[in-house]
Amino acid sequence: MQLTSGIIEVDLHGLRVEEAVQKAEDAVRKAPSSVYIIRLIHGYHRGTGIREAVEYEFSNGRNSKVKRVRPGSNPGITELILREF
């Protein structure tokens, strides 16, 4: 996990789907109040299963800390929005 100006980046490469979702949940739970985005880096080719699982787990109010889920700057990234900047 790397914190950069209100954004936490979490690398999920090489993890199974269940492990990746758990690591994302841990990042959300441990995020300090200064964080407004958690950027999940899952990769493009082999990361689609992780992307789909993360979108499912954190969309539609399933986690009270995550306001919404959006695609990142490329298909290998998904961002969890904790609060608006």
C-alpha atoms as a PDB file:
ATOM      1  CA  MET A   1       0.000   0.000   0.000  1.00  0.00           C
ATOM      2  CA  GLN A   2       1.309   3.411  -0.935  1.00  0.00           C
ATOM      3  CA  LEU A   3      -0.187   6.746   0.193  1.00  0.00           C
ATOM      4  CA  THR A   4       0.130   9.693  -2.171  1.00  0.00           C
ATOM      5  CA  SER A   5      -1.705  12.959  -1.414  1.00  0.00           C
ATOM      6  CA  GLY A   6      -5.066  11.549  -0.357  1.00  0.00           C
ATOM      7  CA  ILE A   7      -4.856   8.517  -2.624  1.00  0.00           C
ATOM      8  CA  ILE A   8      -3.873   5.042  -1.497  1.00  0.00           C
ATOM      9  CA  GLU A   9      -2.555   2.720  -4.211  1.00  0.00           C
ATOM     10  CA  VAL A  10      -2.946  -1.005  -3.625  1.00  0.00           C
ATOM     11  CA  ASP A  11      -1.215  -3.467  -5.968  1.00  0.00           C
ATOM     12  CA  LEU A  12      -3.312  -6.605  -6.438  1.00  0.00           C
ATOM     13  CA  HIS A  13      -1.149  -8.279  -9.099  1.00  0.00           C
ATOM     14  CA  GLY A  14      -0.573 -11.981  -8.537  1.00  0.00           C
ATOM     15  CA  LEU A  15      -3.389 -12.434  -6.016  1.00  0.00           C
ATOM     16  CA  ARG A  16      -6.361 -14.746  -6.309  1.00  0.00           C
ATOM     17  CA  VAL A  17      -9.733 -13.006  -6.524  1.00  0.00           C
ATOM     18  CA  GLU A  18     -10.621 -13.721  -2.885  1.00  0.00           C
ATOM     19  CA  GLU A  19      -7.230 -12.468  -1.674  1.00  0.00           C
ATOM     20  CA  ALA A  20      -7.521  -9.313  -3.768  1.00  0.00           C
ATOM     21  CA  VAL A  21     -10.990  -8.481  -2.449  1.00  0.00           C
ATOM     22  CA  GLN A  22      -9.793  -9.033   1.118  1.00  0.00           C
ATOM     23  CA  LYS A  23      -6.782  -6.772   0.568  1.00  0.00           C
ATOM     24  CA  ALA A  24      -9.083  -4.077  -0.863  1.00  0.00           C
ATOM     25  CA  GLU A  25     -11.444  -4.426   2.118  1.00  0.00           C
ATOM     26  CA  ASP A  26      -8.485  -4.093   4.499  1.00  0.00           C
ATOM     27  CA  ALA A  27      -7.340  -0.923   2.704  1.00  0.00           C
ATOM     28  CA  VAL A  28     -10.825   0.598   2.979  1.00  0.00           C
ATOM     29  CA  ARG A  29     -11.106  -0.312   6.652  1.00  0.00           C
ATOM     30  CA  LYS A  30      -7.647   1.068   7.547  1.00  0.00           C
ATOM     31  CA  ALA A  31      -7.803   4.223   5.387  1.00  0.00           C
ATOM     32  CA  PRO A  32      -7.276   7.399   7.410  1.00  0.00           C
ATOM     33  CA  SER A  33      -9.780  10.235   7.044  1.00  0.00           C
ATOM     34  CA  SER A  34      -7.385  12.151   4.767  1.00  0.00           C
ATOM     35  CA  VAL A  35      -7.812   9.512   2.033  1.00  0.00           C
ATOM     36  CA  TYR A  36     -10.488  10.092  -0.568  1.00  0.00           C
ATOM     37  CA  ILE A  37      -9.539   7.502  -3.233  1.00  0.00           C
ATOM     38  CA  ILE A  38      -8.248   3.961  -3.016  1.00  0.00           C
ATOM     39  CA  ARG A  39      -6.686   3.040  -6.358  1.00  0.00           C
ATOM     40  CA  LEU A  40      -6.674  -0.711  -6.937  1.00  0.00           C
ATOM     41  CA  ILE A  41      -4.111  -1.844  -9.494  1.00  0.00           C
ATOM     42  CA  HIS A  42      -5.163  -5.258 -10.764  1.00  0.00           C
ATOM     43  CA  GLY A  43      -3.850  -5.383 -14.308  1.00  0.00           C
ATOM     44  CA  TYR A  44      -5.655  -5.637 -17.593  1.00  0.00           C
ATOM     45  CA  HIS A  45      -5.341  -9.114 -19.096  1.00  0.00           C
ATOM     46  CA  ARG A  46      -5.428 -11.337 -16.034  1.00  0.00           C
ATOM     47  CA  GLY A  47      -7.010  -8.771 -13.698  1.00  0.00           C
ATOM     48  CA  THR A  48     -10.529  -8.754 -15.138  1.00  0.00           C
ATOM     49  CA  GLY A  49     -11.803 -11.274 -12.574  1.00  0.00           C
ATOM     50  CA  ILE A  50     -10.455  -9.100  -9.782  1.00  0.00           C
ATOM     51  CA  ARG A  51     -11.972  -5.991 -11.367  1.00  0.00           C
ATOM     52  CA  GLU A  52     -15.400  -7.627 -11.610  1.00  0.00           C
ATOM     53  CA  ALA A  53     -15.265  -8.923  -8.019  1.00  0.00           C
ATOM     54  CA  VAL A  54     -14.173  -5.521  -6.674  1.00  0.00           C
ATOM     55  CA  GLU A  55     -16.938  -3.746  -8.585  1.00  0.00           C
ATOM     56  CA  TYR A  56     -19.487  -6.205  -7.194  1.00  0.00           C
ATOM     57  CA  GLU A  57     -18.231  -6.017  -3.586  1.00  0.00           C
ATOM     58  CA  PHE A  58     -18.054  -2.236  -3.370  1.00  0.00           C
ATOM     59  CA  SER A  59     -20.909  -1.017  -5.570  1.00  0.00           C
ATOM     60  CA  ASN A  60     -24.504  -0.207  -4.612  1.00  0.00           C
ATOM     61  CA  GLY A  61     -23.794   0.652  -0.978  1.00  0.00           C
ATOM     62  CA  ARG A  62     -22.404  -2.751   0.018  1.00  0.00           C
ATOM     63  CA  ASN A  63     -19.653  -0.985   1.974  1.00  0.00           C
ATOM     64  CA  SER A  64     -20.693   2.157   3.836  1.00  0.00           C
ATOM     65  CA  LYS A  65     -17.256   3.805   3.454  1.00  0.00           C
ATOM     66  CA  VAL A  66     -17.223   3.511  -0.356  1.00  0.00           C
ATOM     67  CA  LYS A  67     -19.405   6.125  -2.042  1.00  0.00           C
ATOM     68  CA  ARG A  68     -18.878   4.818  -5.573  1.00  0.00           C
ATOM     69  CA  VAL A  69     -16.633   2.737  -7.818  1.00  0.00           C
ATOM     70  CA  ARG A  70     -15.153   4.092 -11.030  1.00  0.00           C
ATOM     71  CA  PRO A  71     -12.708   2.915 -13.680  1.00  0.00           C
ATOM     72  CA  GLY A  72      -9.191   4.266 -13.389  1.00  0.00           C
ATOM     73  CA  SER A  73      -7.047   5.989 -15.992  1.00  0.00           C
ATOM     74  CA  ASN A  74      -6.536   2.658 -17.772  1.00  0.00           C
ATOM     75  CA  PRO A  75      -8.395  -0.700 -17.823  1.00  0.00           C
ATOM     76  CA  GLY A  76      -5.994  -2.196 -15.256  1.00  0.00           C
ATOM     77  CA  ILE A  77      -7.102   0.179 -12.494  1.00  0.00           C
ATOM     78  CA  THR A  78     -10.297   0.514 -10.472  1.00  0.00           C
ATOM     79  CA  GLU A  79     -10.835   3.365  -8.018  1.00  0.00           C
ATOM     80  CA  LEU A  80     -12.915   3.298  -4.863  1.00  0.00           C
ATOM     81  CA  ILE A  81     -14.192   6.784  -4.013  1.00  0.00           C
ATOM     82  CA  LEU A  82     -14.455   7.269  -0.261  1.00  0.00           C
ATOM     83  CA  ARG A  83     -15.421  10.933  -0.417  1.00  0.00           C
ATOM     84  CA  GLU A  84     -15.517  13.683  -3.004  1.00  0.00           C
ATOM     85  CA  PHE A  85     -12.413  15.853  -3.224  1.00  0.00           C
END
